PDB file of N, CA and C in Angstrom:
ATOM      1  N   MET A   1    -264.400-123.010  -4.783  1.00  0.00           N
ATOM      2  CA  MET A   1    -264.891-122.696  -3.443  1.00  0.00           C
ATOM      3  C   MET A   1    -265.699-123.882  -2.919  1.00  0.00           C
ATOM      4  N   ALA A   2    -265.442-124.256  -1.704  1.00  0.00           N
ATOM      5  CA  ALA A   2    -266.131-125.395  -1.083  1.00  0.00           C
ATOM      6  C   ALA A   2    -267.586-125.035  -0.779  1.00  0.00           C
ATOM      7  N   ASN A   3    -268.429-126.045  -0.827  1.00  0.00           N
ATOM      8  CA  ASN A   3    -269.828-125.870  -0.459  1.00  0.00           C
ATOM      9  C   ASN A   3    -269.914-126.035   1.063  1.00  0.00           C
ATOM     10  N   ILE A   4    -269.822-124.920   1.761  1.00  0.00           N
ATOM     11  CA  ILE A   4    -269.746-124.922   3.223  1.00  0.00           C
ATOM     12  C   ILE A   4    -271.032-125.458   3.846  1.00  0.00           C
ATOM     13  N   VAL A   5    -272.174-125.188   3.234  1.00  0.00           N
ATOM     14  CA  VAL A   5    -273.449-125.674   3.780  1.00  0.00           C
ATOM     15  C   VAL A   5    -273.452-127.201   3.803  1.00  0.00           C
ATOM     16  N   LYS A   6    -273.040-127.829   2.694  1.00  0.00           N
ATOM     17  CA  LYS A   6    -272.987-129.292   2.651  1.00  0.00           C
ATOM     18  C   LYS A   6    -271.977-129.831   3.663  1.00  0.00           C
ATOM     19  N   LEU A   7    -270.845-129.157   3.778  1.00  0.00           N
ATOM     20  CA  LEU A   7    -269.821-129.589   4.719  1.00  0.00           C
ATOM     21  C   LEU A   7    -270.340-129.494   6.154  1.00  0.00           C
ATOM     22  N   LYS A   8    -270.997-128.403   6.483  1.00  0.00           N
ATOM     23  CA  LYS A   8    -271.554-128.244   7.835  1.00  0.00           C
ATOM     24  C   LYS A   8    -272.593-129.326   8.111  1.00  0.00           C
ATOM     25  N   ASN A   9    -273.393-129.669   7.104  1.00  0.00           N
ATOM     26  CA  ASN A   9    -274.393-130.739   7.281  1.00  0.00           C
ATOM     27  C   ASN A   9    -273.709-132.070   7.566  1.00  0.00           C
ATOM     28  N   LYS A  10    -272.645-132.385   6.852  1.00  0.00           N
ATOM     29  CA  LYS A  10    -271.918-133.642   7.073  1.00  0.00           C
ATOM     30  C   LYS A  10    -271.275-133.658   8.458  1.00  0.00           C
ATOM     31  N   ILE A  11    -270.759-132.519   8.895  1.00  0.00           N
ATOM     32  CA  ILE A  11    -270.163-132.426  10.229  1.00  0.00           C
ATOM     33  C   ILE A  11    -271.248-132.663  11.279  1.00  0.00           C
ATOM     34  N   GLU A  12    -272.407-132.053  11.080  1.00  0.00           N
ATOM     35  CA  GLU A  12    -273.522-132.232  12.026  1.00  0.00           C
ATOM     36  C   GLU A  12    -273.965-133.695  12.062  1.00  0.00           C
ATOM     37  N   GLU A  13    -274.064-134.317  10.889  1.00  0.00           N
ATOM     38  CA  GLU A  13    -274.469-135.725  10.805  1.00  0.00           C
ATOM     39  C   GLU A  13    -273.472-136.643  11.512  1.00  0.00           C
ATOM     40  N   SER A  14    -272.192-136.249  11.500  1.00  0.00           N
ATOM     41  CA  SER A  14    -271.155-137.099  12.091  1.00  0.00           C
ATOM     42  C   SER A  14    -271.281-137.168  13.607  1.00  0.00           C
ATOM     43  N   GLY A  15    -271.861-136.132  14.208  1.00  0.00           N
ATOM     44  CA  GLY A  15    -272.005-136.092  15.653  1.00  0.00           C
ATOM     45  C   GLY A  15    -270.711-135.729  16.380  1.00  0.00           C
ATOM     46  N   MET A  16    -269.665-135.427  15.616  1.00  0.00           N
ATOM     47  CA  MET A  16    -268.377-135.071  16.220  1.00  0.00           C
ATOM     48  C   MET A  16    -268.301-133.567  16.468  1.00  0.00           C
ATOM     49  N   THR A  17    -267.475-133.208  17.435  1.00  0.00           N
ATOM     50  CA  THR A  17    -267.215-131.795  17.685  1.00  0.00           C
ATOM     51  C   THR A  17    -266.178-131.306  16.677  1.00  0.00           C
ATOM     52  N   MET A  18    -266.075-130.002  16.544  1.00  0.00           N
ATOM     53  CA  MET A  18    -265.068-129.439  15.648  1.00  0.00           C
ATOM     54  C   MET A  18    -263.666-129.820  16.127  1.00  0.00           C
ATOM     55  N   LYS A  19    -263.485-129.898  17.435  1.00  0.00           N
ATOM     56  CA  LYS A  19    -262.187-130.294  17.980  1.00  0.00           C
ATOM     57  C   LYS A  19    -261.843-131.717  17.542  1.00  0.00           C
ATOM     58  N   ALA A  20    -262.810-132.627  17.644  1.00  0.00           N
ATOM     59  CA  ALA A  20    -262.581-134.020  17.248  1.00  0.00           C
ATOM     60  C   ALA A  20    -262.291-134.119  15.754  1.00  0.00           C
ATOM     61  N   ILE A  21    -263.031-133.382  14.957  1.00  0.00           N
ATOM     62  CA  ILE A  21    -262.802-133.404  13.506  1.00  0.00           C
ATOM     63  C   ILE A  21    -261.423-132.850  13.191  1.00  0.00           C
ATOM     64  N   SER A  22    -261.051-131.790  13.867  1.00  0.00           N
ATOM     65  CA  SER A  22    -259.738-131.199  13.639  1.00  0.00           C
ATOM     66  C   SER A  22    -258.634-132.196  13.974  1.00  0.00           C
ATOM     67  N   GLU A  23    -258.788-132.906  15.075  1.00  0.00           N
ATOM     68  CA  GLU A  23    -257.777-133.893  15.464  1.00  0.00           C
ATOM     69  C   GLU A  23    -257.726-135.066  14.485  1.00  0.00           C
ATOM     70  N   LYS A  24    -258.896-135.578  14.082  1.00  0.00           N
ATOM     71  CA  LYS A  24    -258.942-136.718  13.169  1.00  0.00           C
ATOM     72  C   LYS A  24    -258.454-136.369  11.772  1.00  0.00           C
ATOM     73  N   SER A  25    -258.685-135.122  11.357  1.00  0.00           N
ATOM     74  CA  SER A  25    -258.309-134.722  10.000  1.00  0.00           C
ATOM     75  C   SER A  25    -256.881-134.190   9.925  1.00  0.00           C
ATOM     76  N   GLY A  26    -256.321-133.864  11.080  1.00  0.00           N
ATOM     77  CA  GLY A  26    -254.966-133.311  11.082  1.00  0.00           C
ATOM     78  C   GLY A  26    -254.916-131.832  10.736  1.00  0.00           C
ATOM     79  N   ILE A  27    -256.049-131.160  10.830  1.00  0.00           N
ATOM     80  CA  ILE A  27    -256.125-129.724  10.537  1.00  0.00           C
ATOM     81  C   ILE A  27    -256.179-128.973  11.861  1.00  0.00           C
ATOM     82  N   VAL A  28    -255.342-127.964  11.999  1.00  0.00           N
ATOM     83  CA  VAL A  28    -255.364-127.137  13.205  1.00  0.00           C
ATOM     84  C   VAL A  28    -256.772-126.550  13.346  1.00  0.00           C
ATOM     85  N   ARG A  29    -257.305-126.591  14.563  1.00  0.00           N
ATOM     86  CA  ARG A  29    -258.686-126.167  14.799  1.00  0.00           C
ATOM     87  C   ARG A  29    -258.960-124.759  14.278  1.00  0.00           C
ATOM     88  N   GLU A  30    -258.044-123.846  14.526  1.00  0.00           N
ATOM     89  CA  GLU A  30    -258.234-122.471  14.070  1.00  0.00           C
ATOM     90  C   GLU A  30    -258.289-122.400  12.549  1.00  0.00           C
ATOM     91  N   THR A  31    -257.462-123.207  11.889  1.00  0.00           N
ATOM     92  CA  THR A  31    -257.470-123.254  10.429  1.00  0.00           C
ATOM     93  C   THR A  31    -258.800-123.789   9.926  1.00  0.00           C
ATOM     94  N   LEU A  32    -259.300-124.825  10.583  1.00  0.00           N
ATOM     95  CA  LEU A  32    -260.581-125.395  10.195  1.00  0.00           C
ATOM     96  C   LEU A  32    -261.688-124.358  10.328  1.00  0.00           C
ATOM     97  N   TYR A  33    -261.714-123.636  11.442  1.00  0.00           N
ATOM     98  CA  TYR A  33    -262.717-122.584  11.616  1.00  0.00           C
ATOM     99  C   TYR A  33    -262.574-121.510  10.540  1.00  0.00           C
ATOM    100  N   ASN A  34    -261.340-121.123  10.230  1.00  0.00           N
ATOM    101  CA  ASN A  34    -261.128-120.126   9.176  1.00  0.00           C
ATOM    102  C   ASN A  34    -261.684-120.607   7.843  1.00  0.00           C
ATOM    103  N   ARG A  35    -261.377-121.854   7.473  1.00  0.00           N
ATOM    104  CA  ARG A  35    -261.862-122.402   6.197  1.00  0.00           C
ATOM    105  C   ARG A  35    -263.391-122.435   6.174  1.00  0.00           C
ATOM    106  N   MET A  36    -263.987-122.808   7.303  1.00  0.00           N
ATOM    107  CA  MET A  36    -265.447-122.879   7.384  1.00  0.00           C
ATOM    108  C   MET A  36    -266.083-121.493   7.266  1.00  0.00           C
ATOM    109  N   ASN A  37    -265.322-120.461   7.614  1.00  0.00           N
ATOM    110  CA  ASN A  37    -265.821-119.087   7.523  1.00  0.00           C
ATOM    111  C   ASN A  37    -265.348-118.373   6.267  1.00  0.00           C
ATOM    112  N   GLY A  38    -264.824-119.137   5.304  1.00  0.00           N
ATOM    113  CA  GLY A  38    -264.456-118.569   4.014  1.00  0.00           C
ATOM    114  C   GLY A  38    -263.108-117.890   3.958  1.00  0.00           C
ATOM    115  N   VAL A  39    -262.284-118.064   4.997  1.00  0.00           N
ATOM    116  CA  VAL A  39    -260.948-117.479   4.988  1.00  0.00           C
ATOM    117  C   VAL A  39    -260.000-118.506   4.372  1.00  0.00           C
ATOM    118  N   GLY A  40    -259.630-118.286   3.132  1.00  0.00           N
ATOM    119  CA  GLY A  40    -258.749-119.210   2.432  1.00  0.00           C
ATOM    120  C   GLY A  40    -259.499-120.394   1.855  1.00  0.00           C
ATOM    121  N   GLU A  41    -258.807-121.133   1.022  1.00  0.00           N
ATOM    122  CA  GLU A  41    -259.367-122.317   0.379  1.00  0.00           C
ATOM    123  C   GLU A  41    -258.816-123.563   1.058  1.00  0.00           C
ATOM    124  N   PHE A  42    -259.589-124.637   1.036  1.00  0.00           N
ATOM    125  CA  PHE A  42    -259.110-125.902   1.561  1.00  0.00           C
ATOM    126  C   PHE A  42    -257.979-126.418   0.670  1.00  0.00           C
ATOM    127  N   THR A  43    -256.905-126.878   1.290  1.00  0.00           N
ATOM    128  CA  THR A  43    -255.800-127.460   0.537  1.00  0.00           C
ATOM    129  C   THR A  43    -256.121-128.934   0.261  1.00  0.00           C
ATOM    130  N   ALA A  44    -255.354-129.533  -0.635  1.00  0.00           N
ATOM    131  CA  ALA A  44    -255.570-130.942  -0.968  1.00  0.00           C
ATOM    132  C   ALA A  44    -255.428-131.818   0.273  1.00  0.00           C
ATOM    133  N   SER A  45    -254.430-131.564   1.103  1.00  0.00           N
ATOM    134  CA  SER A  45    -254.234-132.392   2.299  1.00  0.00           C
ATOM    135  C   SER A  45    -255.370-132.200   3.303  1.00  0.00           C
ATOM    136  N   GLU A  46    -255.924-131.008   3.380  1.00  0.00           N
ATOM    137  CA  GLU A  46    -257.062-130.759   4.270  1.00  0.00           C
ATOM    138  C   GLU A  46    -258.302-131.508   3.769  1.00  0.00           C
ATOM    139  N   ILE A  47    -258.494-131.520   2.458  1.00  0.00           N
ATOM    140  CA  ILE A  47    -259.626-132.237   1.869  1.00  0.00           C
ATOM    141  C   ILE A  47    -259.497-133.730   2.137  1.00  0.00           C
ATOM    142  N   VAL A  48    -258.300-134.265   1.968  1.00  0.00           N
ATOM    143  CA  VAL A  48    -258.061-135.690   2.238  1.00  0.00           C
ATOM    144  C   VAL A  48    -258.347-135.989   3.706  1.00  0.00           C
ATOM    145  N   GLY A  49    -257.857-135.144   4.606  1.00  0.00           N
ATOM    146  CA  GLY A  49    -258.079-135.341   6.038  1.00  0.00           C
ATOM    147  C   GLY A  49    -259.545-135.309   6.416  1.00  0.00           C
ATOM    148  N   LEU A  50    -260.289-134.352   5.865  1.00  0.00           N
ATOM    149  CA  LEU A  50    -261.715-134.260   6.161  1.00  0.00           C
ATOM    150  C   LEU A  50    -262.487-135.421   5.556  1.00  0.00           C
ATOM    151  N   THR A  51    -262.071-135.862   4.378  1.00  0.00           N
ATOM    152  CA  THR A  51    -262.721-137.005   3.729  1.00  0.00           C
ATOM    153  C   THR A  51    -262.609-138.239   4.609  1.00  0.00           C
ATOM    154  N   LYS A  52    -261.424-138.450   5.177  1.00  0.00           N
ATOM    155  CA  LYS A  52    -261.221-139.603   6.059  1.00  0.00           C
ATOM    156  C   LYS A  52    -261.955-139.433   7.383  1.00  0.00           C
ATOM    157  N   ALA A  53    -261.844-138.251   7.981  1.00  0.00           N
ATOM    158  CA  ALA A  53    -262.451-138.010   9.295  1.00  0.00           C
ATOM    159  C   ALA A  53    -263.977-138.129   9.239  1.00  0.00           C
ATOM    160  N   LEU A  54    -264.565-137.634   8.155  1.00  0.00           N
ATOM    161  CA  LEU A  54    -266.023-137.642   8.031  1.00  0.00           C
ATOM    162  C   LEU A  54    -266.531-138.852   7.251  1.00  0.00           C
ATOM    163  N   LYS A  55    -265.595-139.700   6.796  1.00  0.00           N
ATOM    164  CA  LYS A  55    -265.935-140.906   6.025  1.00  0.00           C
ATOM    165  C   LYS A  55    -266.810-140.556   4.821  1.00  0.00           C
ATOM    166  N   LEU A  56    -266.346-139.560   4.050  1.00  0.00           N
ATOM    167  CA  LEU A  56    -267.085-139.116   2.878  1.00  0.00           C
ATOM    168  C   LEU A  56    -266.840-140.064   1.709  1.00  0.00           C
ATOM    169  N   SER A  57    -267.874-140.293   0.931  1.00  0.00           N
ATOM    170  CA  SER A  57    -267.695-141.041  -0.311  1.00  0.00           C
ATOM    171  C   SER A  57    -267.032-140.101  -1.320  1.00  0.00           C
ATOM    172  N   ILE A  58    -266.571-140.653  -2.407  1.00  0.00           N
ATOM    173  CA  ILE A  58    -265.949-139.829  -3.450  1.00  0.00           C
ATOM    174  C   ILE A  58    -266.961-138.817  -3.981  1.00  0.00           C
ATOM    175  N   GLU A  59    -268.203-139.258  -4.151  1.00  0.00           N
ATOM    176  CA  GLU A  59    -269.252-138.364  -4.653  1.00  0.00           C
ATOM    177  C   GLU A  59    -269.524-137.231  -3.670  1.00  0.00           C
ATOM    178  N   GLU A  60    -269.578-137.558  -2.374  1.00  0.00           N
ATOM    179  CA  GLU A  60    -269.801-136.517  -1.357  1.00  0.00           C
ATOM    180  C   GLU A  60    -268.632-135.548  -1.339  1.00  0.00           C
ATOM    181  N   ARG A  61    -267.417-136.090  -1.361  1.00  0.00           N
ATOM    182  CA  ARG A  61    -266.227-135.228  -1.366  1.00  0.00           C
ATOM    183  C   ARG A  61    -266.264-134.271  -2.546  1.00  0.00           C
ATOM    184  N   ASP A  62    -266.535-134.807  -3.733  1.00  0.00           N
ATOM    185  CA  ASP A  62    -266.548-133.975  -4.932  1.00  0.00           C
ATOM    186  C   ASP A  62    -267.653-132.930  -4.890  1.00  0.00           C
ATOM    187  N   SER A  63    -268.833-133.294  -4.364  1.00  0.00           N
ATOM    188  CA  SER A  63    -269.932-132.319  -4.323  1.00  0.00           C
ATOM    189  C   SER A  63    -269.656-131.205  -3.321  1.00  0.00           C
ATOM    190  N   ILE A  64    -268.858-131.495  -2.312  1.00  0.00           N
ATOM    191  CA  ILE A  64    -268.529-130.466  -1.314  1.00  0.00           C
ATOM    192  C   ILE A  64    -267.360-129.597  -1.778  1.00  0.00           C
ATOM    193  N   PHE A  65    -266.291-130.235  -2.233  1.00  0.00           N
ATOM    194  CA  PHE A  65    -265.063-129.494  -2.494  1.00  0.00           C
ATOM    195  C   PHE A  65    -264.811-129.126  -3.954  1.00  0.00           C
ATOM    196  N   LEU A  66    -265.522-129.757  -4.877  1.00  0.00           N
ATOM    197  CA  LEU A  66    -265.286-129.475  -6.289  1.00  0.00           C
ATOM    198  C   LEU A  66    -266.519-128.914  -6.990  1.00  0.00           C
ATOM    199  N   SER A  67    -267.411-128.317  -6.212  1.00  0.00           N
ATOM    200  CA  SER A  67    -268.641-127.804  -6.813  1.00  0.00           C
ATOM    201  C   SER A  67    -268.422-126.465  -7.482  1.00  0.00           C
TER     202      SER A  67
END
């Protein structure tokens, strides 16, 4: 299960809107909202997309998605 609190903090720090993150990560906005609300698990491709969009380090990615 992803650490949603850490993910929300990184999104807030990025200054981007959810729409912008969805576009940059390649995740449909509704899917992103569902994942953020605990509906389903993030897929590998979604994790890769968010890592790139939010410019997460490997350590940040792992602490958010592999905790």
